[in-house]
Amino acid sequence: EIFEVLRDRKSFVQGGYSASGNDLMHGTVLLLDGREHLERRRLLGKLMTEDAISGYRHEILHPAINHTFEETARTQRDADGVVRTDLVQLAQLCLYRIAGAATGIDGLEQPEDALRFIKYIKAMAHGVGADWAIGDTPAEVTAAAMDALARYKEEFFVPSMVRRKAMIEAGEEMPNDLISVMYSNWDDSWDEDLPLRESAVFMVAATQTTAASTVLLILRMDEWLKGHPEDRIAIFEDPAYLRHATYESLRRTVAQPARIRRAIQDVELSSGRKISAGERVALLFLPANTDPELFGADAERFNPRRGQHSKPEWGLAFSGGSHACIGRPMATGNVKAETDGSVTALARRLYDAGVELVGEPVRDQTTHYPVYDSVPVVLRNL
């Protein structure tokens, strides 16, 4: 039923984001439907072609991970020679730098700048998910997100945009990033701040699932290895093992408790369920991703050796239909070509560095999302 709703563009449109849809996300690809959505998605799709992703992998992904690990080794090594750090911050520094480069944001090399950037994007991510906020009201969360957007604009977006517009005027070859693509293909129907909002939403979409998934993968693998210590060697000797573990962890990691769609005409699903025009439908991805008929009798458990019970192995982690995440190939890699995506590449680097959990992980209490504020680790081999 979920796939049917997601793929039926004639009967359903976006129905969520009631708290943030009129300001932070106004006019962005995530909220568009119909021809306008198709045109914007085609434009932004230039960022995620096979050639583009191959370029990101060599020019952005691995350099960003290496830079962050070298930085961590230099700044967080204790007197006993052991590097002690926080997995959440380490994953964020890596993945936000990767996403920032794909967005077209300059100036994230220094940790203090990158951490400030992360702070703004996380506040905007809370704004995007304001409908699911815990504690503060949706209005308060949205107001904080708009303040973060203003700071992000002044400190990061505008300098990056000005440099790219100068390159366009000079006729220089442009990088393949979101800001460059939008200003190189300017549409006079856009308002002045649309690229700002589109870049912010792109950053949120590109970082929240991947950062959370990396942390959850390491936590889930730690539990799995306690019961299956023989699998530890597979991490290093079987390249496919960690990829399948990543997909399995993604299957159990959803970005929102539900995705909302609104029916624009009366419709009867193939199951016989009837939905009236104007009704909103909540699509519960996690129950679907743990359906025993699709993923086996132990579908609610993490099992990196599950195999391909259903395609894709990550289920609905990246949604589906016309609003499926365009950055999915960057996160998962090319399955057929057996290349690592950003989550697997970072996890592989963590295991090579000898990652070990120490202390108790601390959950983020401000959201329904399965994310953590802190996960203390040591990196024995860094």
Protein backbone atom coordinates (compact mmCIF):
# COMPACT_ATOMS: atom_id res chain seq x y z
CA GLU A 1 0.00 0.00 0.00
CA ILE A 2 2.81 2.43 0.86
CA PHE A 3 4.57 1.95 -2.47
CA GLU A 4 1.25 2.34 -4.25
CA VAL A 5 0.55 5.68 -2.55
CA LEU A 6 4.10 6.94 -3.11
CA ARG A 7 3.97 6.11 -6.81
CA ASP A 8 0.48 7.48 -7.50
CA ARG A 9 1.22 11.08 -8.50
CA LYS A 10 -2.28 11.58 -9.90
CA SER A 11 -4.05 10.83 -6.62
CA PHE A 12 -1.65 11.96 -3.87
CA VAL A 13 0.47 15.02 -3.11
CA GLN A 14 2.68 16.04 -0.21
CA GLY A 15 0.61 16.45 2.93
CA GLY A 16 3.16 16.91 5.71
CA TYR A 17 5.49 19.63 6.98
CA SER A 18 2.61 21.81 8.20
CA ALA A 19 4.88 23.67 10.63
CA SER A 20 7.77 24.43 8.25
CA GLY A 21 6.20 24.33 4.80
CA ASN A 22 5.38 28.04 4.61
CA ASP A 23 8.80 29.43 5.46
CA LEU A 24 11.91 27.26 5.85
CA MET A 25 10.87 24.81 3.11
CA HIS A 26 8.71 27.07 0.95
CA GLY A 27 9.06 26.28 -2.74
CA THR A 28 11.71 23.58 -2.29
CA VAL A 29 11.73 20.33 -4.22
CA LEU A 30 10.61 18.40 -1.14
CA LEU A 31 7.23 20.17 -1.15
CA LEU A 32 6.59 20.51 -4.86
CA ASP A 33 4.31 18.25 -6.86
CA GLY A 34 3.44 17.78 -10.51
CA ARG A 35 5.37 19.34 -13.39
CA GLU A 36 7.14 21.89 -11.19
CA HIS A 37 8.47 19.08 -9.00
CA LEU A 38 9.57 17.07 -12.03
CA GLU A 39 11.46 20.02 -13.51
CA ARG A 40 13.22 20.87 -10.23
CA ARG A 41 14.09 17.23 -9.61
CA ARG A 42 15.56 16.90 -13.10
CA LEU A 43 17.68 19.98 -12.46
CA LEU A 44 18.97 18.76 -9.10
CA GLY A 45 19.36 15.26 -10.51
CA LYS A 46 22.50 16.56 -12.25
CA LEU A 47 24.14 16.34 -8.83
CA MET A 48 23.58 12.60 -8.55
CA THR A 49 24.45 11.07 -11.92
CA GLU A 50 26.80 8.07 -11.88
CA ASP A 51 29.67 10.26 -13.12
CA ALA A 52 28.93 12.92 -10.51
CA ILE A 53 28.86 10.41 -7.66
CA SER A 54 32.08 8.81 -8.87
CA GLY A 55 33.65 12.26 -8.79
CA TYR A 56 32.30 12.97 -5.30
CA ARG A 57 33.70 9.66 -4.07
CA HIS A 58 37.25 10.50 -5.15
CA GLU A 59 37.25 14.28 -4.78
CA ILE A 60 35.03 14.82 -1.74
CA LEU A 61 34.06 11.71 0.24
CA HIS A 62 37.43 10.10 0.95
CA PRO A 63 39.34 13.42 1.27
CA ALA A 64 36.76 14.72 3.78
CA ILE A 65 36.92 11.54 5.85
CA ASN A 66 40.74 11.50 5.79
CA HIS A 67 40.92 15.20 6.70
CA THR A 68 38.56 14.73 9.66
CA PHE A 69 40.37 11.67 11.01
CA GLU A 70 43.76 13.40 10.72
CA GLU A 71 42.27 16.40 12.51
CA THR A 72 40.86 14.14 15.25
CA ALA A 73 44.19 12.34 15.72
CA ARG A 74 45.97 15.68 16.02
CA THR A 75 43.57 17.34 18.46
CA GLN A 76 42.09 14.54 20.61
CA ARG A 77 44.98 12.27 21.47
CA ASP A 78 45.43 11.88 25.23
CA ALA A 79 48.70 11.65 27.15
CA ASP A 80 48.59 7.84 26.96
CA GLY A 81 48.62 8.04 23.16
CA VAL A 82 44.99 6.92 22.72
CA VAL A 83 42.53 9.02 20.71
CA ARG A 84 39.31 9.57 22.65
CA THR A 85 36.45 11.28 20.89
CA ASP A 86 32.70 11.30 20.36
CA LEU A 87 31.31 9.19 17.54
CA VAL A 88 28.37 11.55 16.97
CA GLN A 89 30.59 14.59 16.46
CA LEU A 90 33.13 12.66 14.39
CA ALA A 91 30.43 11.30 12.07
CA GLN A 92 28.86 14.73 11.76
CA LEU A 93 32.16 16.43 10.91
CA CYS A 94 32.80 13.89 8.15
CA LEU A 95 29.32 13.77 6.66
CA TYR A 96 28.45 17.46 6.94
CA ARG A 97 31.69 18.35 5.16
CA ILE A 98 30.85 15.86 2.41
CA ALA A 99 27.31 17.21 2.06
CA GLY A 100 28.54 20.79 2.30
CA ALA A 101 30.88 20.25 -0.65
CA ALA A 102 28.06 18.71 -2.71
CA THR A 103 25.87 21.70 -1.79
CA GLY A 104 28.57 24.21 -2.68
CA ILE A 105 29.43 25.54 0.77
CA ASP A 106 32.98 26.80 1.22
CA GLY A 107 34.98 27.29 4.40
CA LEU A 108 34.41 24.05 6.34
CA GLU A 109 38.07 23.01 6.65
CA GLN A 110 38.61 24.34 10.18
CA PRO A 111 36.81 22.42 12.97
CA GLU A 112 35.43 25.54 14.66
CA ASP A 113 33.79 26.65 11.40
CA ALA A 114 32.50 23.15 10.63
CA LEU A 115 31.02 22.76 14.12
CA ARG A 116 29.23 26.11 13.84
CA PHE A 117 27.89 25.04 10.45
CA ILE A 118 26.69 21.74 11.95
CA LYS A 119 24.91 23.64 14.72
CA TYR A 120 22.95 25.69 12.17
CA ILE A 121 22.04 22.69 10.00
CA LYS A 122 20.89 20.68 13.03
CA ALA A 123 18.65 23.56 14.12
CA MET A 124 17.19 23.70 10.63
CA ALA A 125 16.73 19.92 10.68
CA HIS A 126 14.66 20.30 13.84
CA GLY A 127 12.66 22.91 11.97
CA VAL A 128 12.03 20.59 9.03
CA GLY A 129 10.80 17.99 11.51
CA ALA A 130 8.94 20.46 13.73
CA ASP A 131 5.73 18.43 13.39
CA TRP A 132 7.47 15.66 15.37
CA ALA A 133 9.22 17.85 17.96
CA ILE A 134 9.23 16.94 21.66
CA GLY A 135 9.27 19.65 24.33
CA ASP A 136 9.20 22.96 22.47
CA THR A 137 6.16 23.81 20.37
CA PRO A 138 6.36 23.54 16.56
CA ALA A 139 6.25 27.34 16.39
CA GLU A 140 9.24 27.65 18.75
CA VAL A 141 11.22 25.02 16.83
CA THR A 142 10.43 26.73 13.52
CA ALA A 143 11.47 30.14 14.89
CA ALA A 144 14.81 28.71 16.03
CA ALA A 145 15.26 27.12 12.61
CA MET A 146 14.63 30.43 10.84
CA ASP A 147 17.20 32.13 13.07
CA ALA A 148 19.69 29.39 12.16
CA LEU A 149 18.84 29.87 8.47
CA ALA A 150 19.66 33.58 8.75
CA ARG A 151 23.02 32.83 10.37
CA TYR A 152 23.78 30.10 7.82
CA LYS A 153 22.94 32.56 5.04
CA GLU A 154 25.24 35.29 6.34
CA GLU A 155 28.21 33.16 7.36
CA PHE A 156 28.25 30.36 4.79
CA PHE A 157 25.74 30.64 1.95
CA VAL A 158 26.34 34.22 0.79
CA PRO A 159 30.17 33.98 0.53
CA SER A 160 29.84 30.66 -1.33
CA MET A 161 27.13 32.04 -3.62
CA VAL A 162 29.07 35.24 -4.40
CA ARG A 163 32.14 33.24 -5.43
CA ARG A 164 30.09 31.02 -7.74
CA LYS A 165 28.20 33.90 -9.35
CA ALA A 166 31.54 35.55 -10.10
CA MET A 167 32.73 32.32 -11.72
CA ILE A 168 29.59 32.21 -13.87
CA GLU A 169 30.09 35.82 -14.99
CA ALA A 170 33.74 35.08 -15.82
CA GLY A 171 32.73 32.08 -17.91
CA GLU A 172 34.72 29.67 -15.76
CA GLU A 173 34.04 25.95 -15.55
CA MET A 174 31.62 25.42 -12.68
CA PRO A 175 31.80 22.77 -9.97
CA ASN A 176 28.94 20.28 -9.87
CA ASP A 177 27.26 21.46 -6.67
CA LEU A 178 23.74 22.61 -5.86
CA ILE A 179 24.47 26.32 -5.64
CA SER A 180 26.35 26.29 -8.95
CA VAL A 181 23.65 24.28 -10.70
CA MET A 182 20.83 26.56 -9.53
CA TYR A 183 22.54 29.84 -10.41
CA SER A 184 23.80 28.45 -13.74
CA ASN A 185 20.21 27.48 -14.60
CA TRP A 186 18.40 30.44 -13.07
CA ASP A 187 14.63 30.56 -13.50
CA ASP A 188 13.08 34.03 -13.29
CA SER A 189 10.03 32.55 -11.56
CA TRP A 190 12.17 31.77 -8.52
CA ASP A 191 12.32 34.17 -5.60
CA GLU A 192 15.73 35.50 -4.55
CA ASP A 193 16.09 33.20 -1.53
CA LEU A 194 14.95 29.95 -3.15
CA PRO A 195 18.54 28.67 -3.65
CA LEU A 196 19.18 29.46 0.03
CA ARG A 197 16.19 27.40 1.17
CA GLU A 198 16.89 24.63 -1.34
CA SER A 199 20.49 24.39 -0.13
CA ALA A 200 19.35 24.25 3.50
CA VAL A 201 16.81 21.50 2.84
CA PHE A 202 19.36 19.62 0.72
CA MET A 203 21.87 19.79 3.58
CA VAL A 204 19.27 18.51 6.05
CA ALA A 205 18.27 15.65 3.76
CA ALA A 206 21.89 14.77 2.99
CA THR A 207 23.04 14.62 6.60
CA GLN A 208 20.33 13.56 9.02
CA THR A 209 19.74 9.97 7.87
CA THR A 210 23.41 9.30 7.05
CA ALA A 211 24.80 10.73 10.31
CA ALA A 212 22.22 8.89 12.42
CA SER A 213 22.68 5.70 10.39
CA THR A 214 26.46 5.69 10.87
CA VAL A 215 26.14 5.98 14.64
CA LEU A 216 23.36 3.38 14.78
CA LEU A 217 25.36 1.02 12.55
CA ILE A 218 28.31 1.06 14.96
CA LEU A 219 26.00 0.60 17.97
CA ARG A 220 24.09 -2.25 16.32
CA MET A 221 27.26 -3.93 15.12
CA ASP A 222 28.67 -3.76 18.65
CA GLU A 223 25.66 -5.71 19.93
CA TRP A 224 25.78 -8.15 17.00
CA LEU A 225 29.48 -8.89 17.48
CA LYS A 226 28.93 -9.74 21.15
CA GLY A 227 26.82 -12.68 20.01
CA HIS A 228 28.72 -13.37 16.78
CA PRO A 229 32.40 -12.63 17.48
CA GLU A 230 33.40 -14.68 14.44
CA ASP A 231 31.96 -11.93 12.23
CA ARG A 232 34.58 -9.38 13.31
CA ILE A 233 37.06 -10.72 10.77
CA ALA A 234 34.47 -10.35 8.00
CA ILE A 235 34.51 -6.57 8.52
CA PHE A 236 38.09 -6.51 7.28
CA GLU A 237 38.24 -9.47 4.89
CA ASP A 238 34.86 -9.37 3.13
CA PRO A 239 34.13 -5.94 1.58
CA ALA A 240 30.50 -6.89 0.93
CA TYR A 241 29.84 -7.71 4.60
CA LEU A 242 29.93 -4.11 5.82
CA ARG A 243 27.86 -2.91 2.86
CA HIS A 244 25.09 -5.38 3.71
CA ALA A 245 25.37 -4.40 7.39
CA THR A 246 24.90 -0.78 6.31
CA TYR A 247 21.80 -1.60 4.27
CA GLU A 248 20.41 -3.63 7.16
CA SER A 249 20.93 -0.75 9.58
CA LEU A 250 19.37 1.71 7.13
CA ARG A 251 16.32 -0.56 6.90
CA ARG A 252 15.74 -0.02 10.61
CA THR A 253 16.47 3.73 10.48
CA VAL A 254 13.69 6.00 9.23
CA ALA A 255 13.89 9.78 9.10
CA GLN A 256 10.36 10.41 10.38
CA PRO A 257 7.74 8.44 12.33
CA ALA A 258 5.44 8.79 9.31
CA ARG A 259 5.36 10.33 5.84
CA ILE A 260 2.16 12.22 5.11
CA ARG A 261 0.37 12.33 1.76
CA ARG A 262 -2.93 14.04 0.90
CA ALA A 263 -5.43 12.55 -1.53
CA ILE A 264 -6.57 14.97 -4.23
CA GLN A 265 -9.24 12.62 -5.57
CA ASP A 266 -11.18 9.62 -4.32
CA VAL A 267 -9.04 6.52 -4.76
CA GLU A 268 -9.29 2.81 -4.02
CA LEU A 269 -6.00 1.00 -3.47
CA SER A 270 -5.42 -2.46 -4.90
CA SER A 271 -5.88 -3.80 -1.35
CA GLY A 272 -9.47 -2.48 -1.38
CA ARG A 273 -8.75 0.37 1.03
CA LYS A 274 -10.71 3.49 0.07
CA ILE A 275 -9.36 7.00 0.61
CA SER A 276 -11.46 10.10 0.03
CA ALA A 277 -10.31 13.32 -1.60
CA GLY A 278 -8.88 15.65 1.04
CA GLU A 279 -7.94 12.89 3.47
CA ARG A 280 -4.38 12.73 4.72
CA VAL A 281 -2.63 9.37 4.84
CA ALA A 282 0.18 8.52 7.26
CA LEU A 283 2.69 6.12 5.73
CA LEU A 284 4.43 4.18 8.51
CA PHE A 285 7.80 3.23 7.08
CA LEU A 286 9.26 1.39 10.06
CA PRO A 287 6.45 -1.20 10.34
CA ALA A 288 6.75 -1.71 6.58
CA ASN A 289 10.52 -2.09 6.88
CA THR A 290 10.07 -4.77 9.55
CA ASP A 291 7.39 -6.77 7.73
CA PRO A 292 8.25 -10.50 8.19
CA GLU A 293 6.82 -11.31 4.77
CA LEU A 294 9.39 -9.02 3.17
CA PHE A 295 12.39 -9.35 5.46
CA GLY A 296 12.04 -12.67 7.25
CA ALA A 297 10.70 -13.88 10.58
CA ASP A 298 13.31 -11.90 12.55
CA ALA A 299 12.68 -8.68 10.61
CA GLU A 300 12.63 -6.55 13.77
CA ARG A 301 16.19 -7.61 14.62
CA PHE A 302 19.43 -6.27 13.13
CA ASN A 303 21.08 -9.06 11.15
CA PRO A 304 23.92 -8.09 8.79
CA ARG A 305 23.71 -11.56 7.23
CA ARG A 306 20.03 -11.27 6.41
CA GLY A 307 20.63 -11.32 2.67
CA GLN A 308 18.30 -10.06 0.00
CA HIS A 309 14.87 -11.09 1.27
CA SER A 310 13.50 -8.06 -0.51
CA LYS A 311 14.84 -5.38 -2.81
CA PRO A 312 16.04 -2.90 -1.93
CA GLU A 313 17.71 -4.23 1.21
CA TRP A 314 17.25 -0.85 2.93
CA GLY A 315 13.49 -0.95 2.39
CA LEU A 316 11.89 2.49 2.54
CA ALA A 317 14.79 4.24 4.26
CA PHE A 318 14.98 6.65 1.33
CA SER A 319 11.22 6.78 0.66
CA GLY A 320 9.99 5.95 -2.83
CA GLY A 321 8.11 7.21 -5.84
CA SER A 322 8.63 10.70 -7.24
CA HIS A 323 9.81 12.02 -3.85
CA ALA A 324 12.43 9.33 -3.26
CA CYS A 325 15.68 10.77 -1.91
CA ILE A 326 17.83 11.85 -4.87
CA GLY A 327 20.97 11.46 -2.75
CA ARG A 328 20.38 7.77 -2.03
CA PRO A 329 23.20 6.55 -4.35
CA MET A 330 25.68 8.74 -2.46
CA ALA A 331 24.66 7.15 0.85
CA THR A 332 24.43 3.53 -0.32
CA GLY A 333 26.98 3.44 -3.13
CA ASN A 334 26.47 1.63 -6.41
CA VAL A 335 25.09 -1.78 -5.46
CA LYS A 336 25.82 -3.42 -8.82
CA ALA A 337 29.35 -2.01 -9.01
CA GLU A 338 29.92 -2.90 -5.33
CA THR A 339 31.20 0.53 -4.34
CA ASP A 340 30.93 1.99 -0.84
CA GLY A 341 28.51 4.80 -0.13
CA SER A 342 29.23 7.47 2.46
CA VAL A 343 27.90 5.48 5.43
CA THR A 344 29.88 2.32 4.60
CA ALA A 345 33.02 4.30 3.75
CA LEU A 346 32.93 6.08 7.10
CA ALA A 347 32.14 2.88 9.01
CA ARG A 348 35.04 1.12 7.28
CA ARG A 349 37.38 3.95 8.27
CA LEU A 350 36.16 3.73 11.87
CA TYR A 351 36.87 0.01 12.07
CA ASP A 352 40.30 0.51 10.49
CA ALA A 353 40.94 3.09 13.22
CA GLY A 354 40.04 0.52 15.90
CA VAL A 355 36.77 2.07 17.09
CA GLU A 356 35.58 0.86 20.52
CA LEU A 357 32.55 2.05 22.47
CA VAL A 358 33.24 3.41 25.96
CA GLY A 359 30.69 4.84 28.36
CA GLU A 360 26.96 5.12 27.83
CA PRO A 361 25.42 6.61 24.68
CA VAL A 362 23.13 9.62 25.30
CA ARG A 363 19.88 9.84 23.31
CA ASP A 364 18.57 13.10 21.86
CA GLN A 365 15.44 13.81 23.92
CA THR A 366 14.11 16.61 21.69
CA THR A 367 12.86 14.46 18.83
CA HIS A 368 11.08 11.23 17.95
CA TYR A 369 13.96 10.37 15.63
CA PRO A 370 16.33 7.57 16.76
CA VAL A 371 19.36 9.85 17.13
CA TYR A 372 22.03 10.35 19.77
CA ASP A 373 23.63 13.44 21.30
CA SER A 374 26.77 11.62 22.37
CA VAL A 375 28.47 8.23 21.91
CA PRO A 376 31.93 8.15 23.54
CA VAL A 377 34.52 6.06 21.68
CA VAL A 378 38.23 5.39 21.52
CA LEU A 379 40.14 4.90 18.27
CA ARG A 380 42.86 2.41 19.19
CA ASN A 381 44.64 2.35 15.84
CA LEU A 382 44.55 6.02 14.90
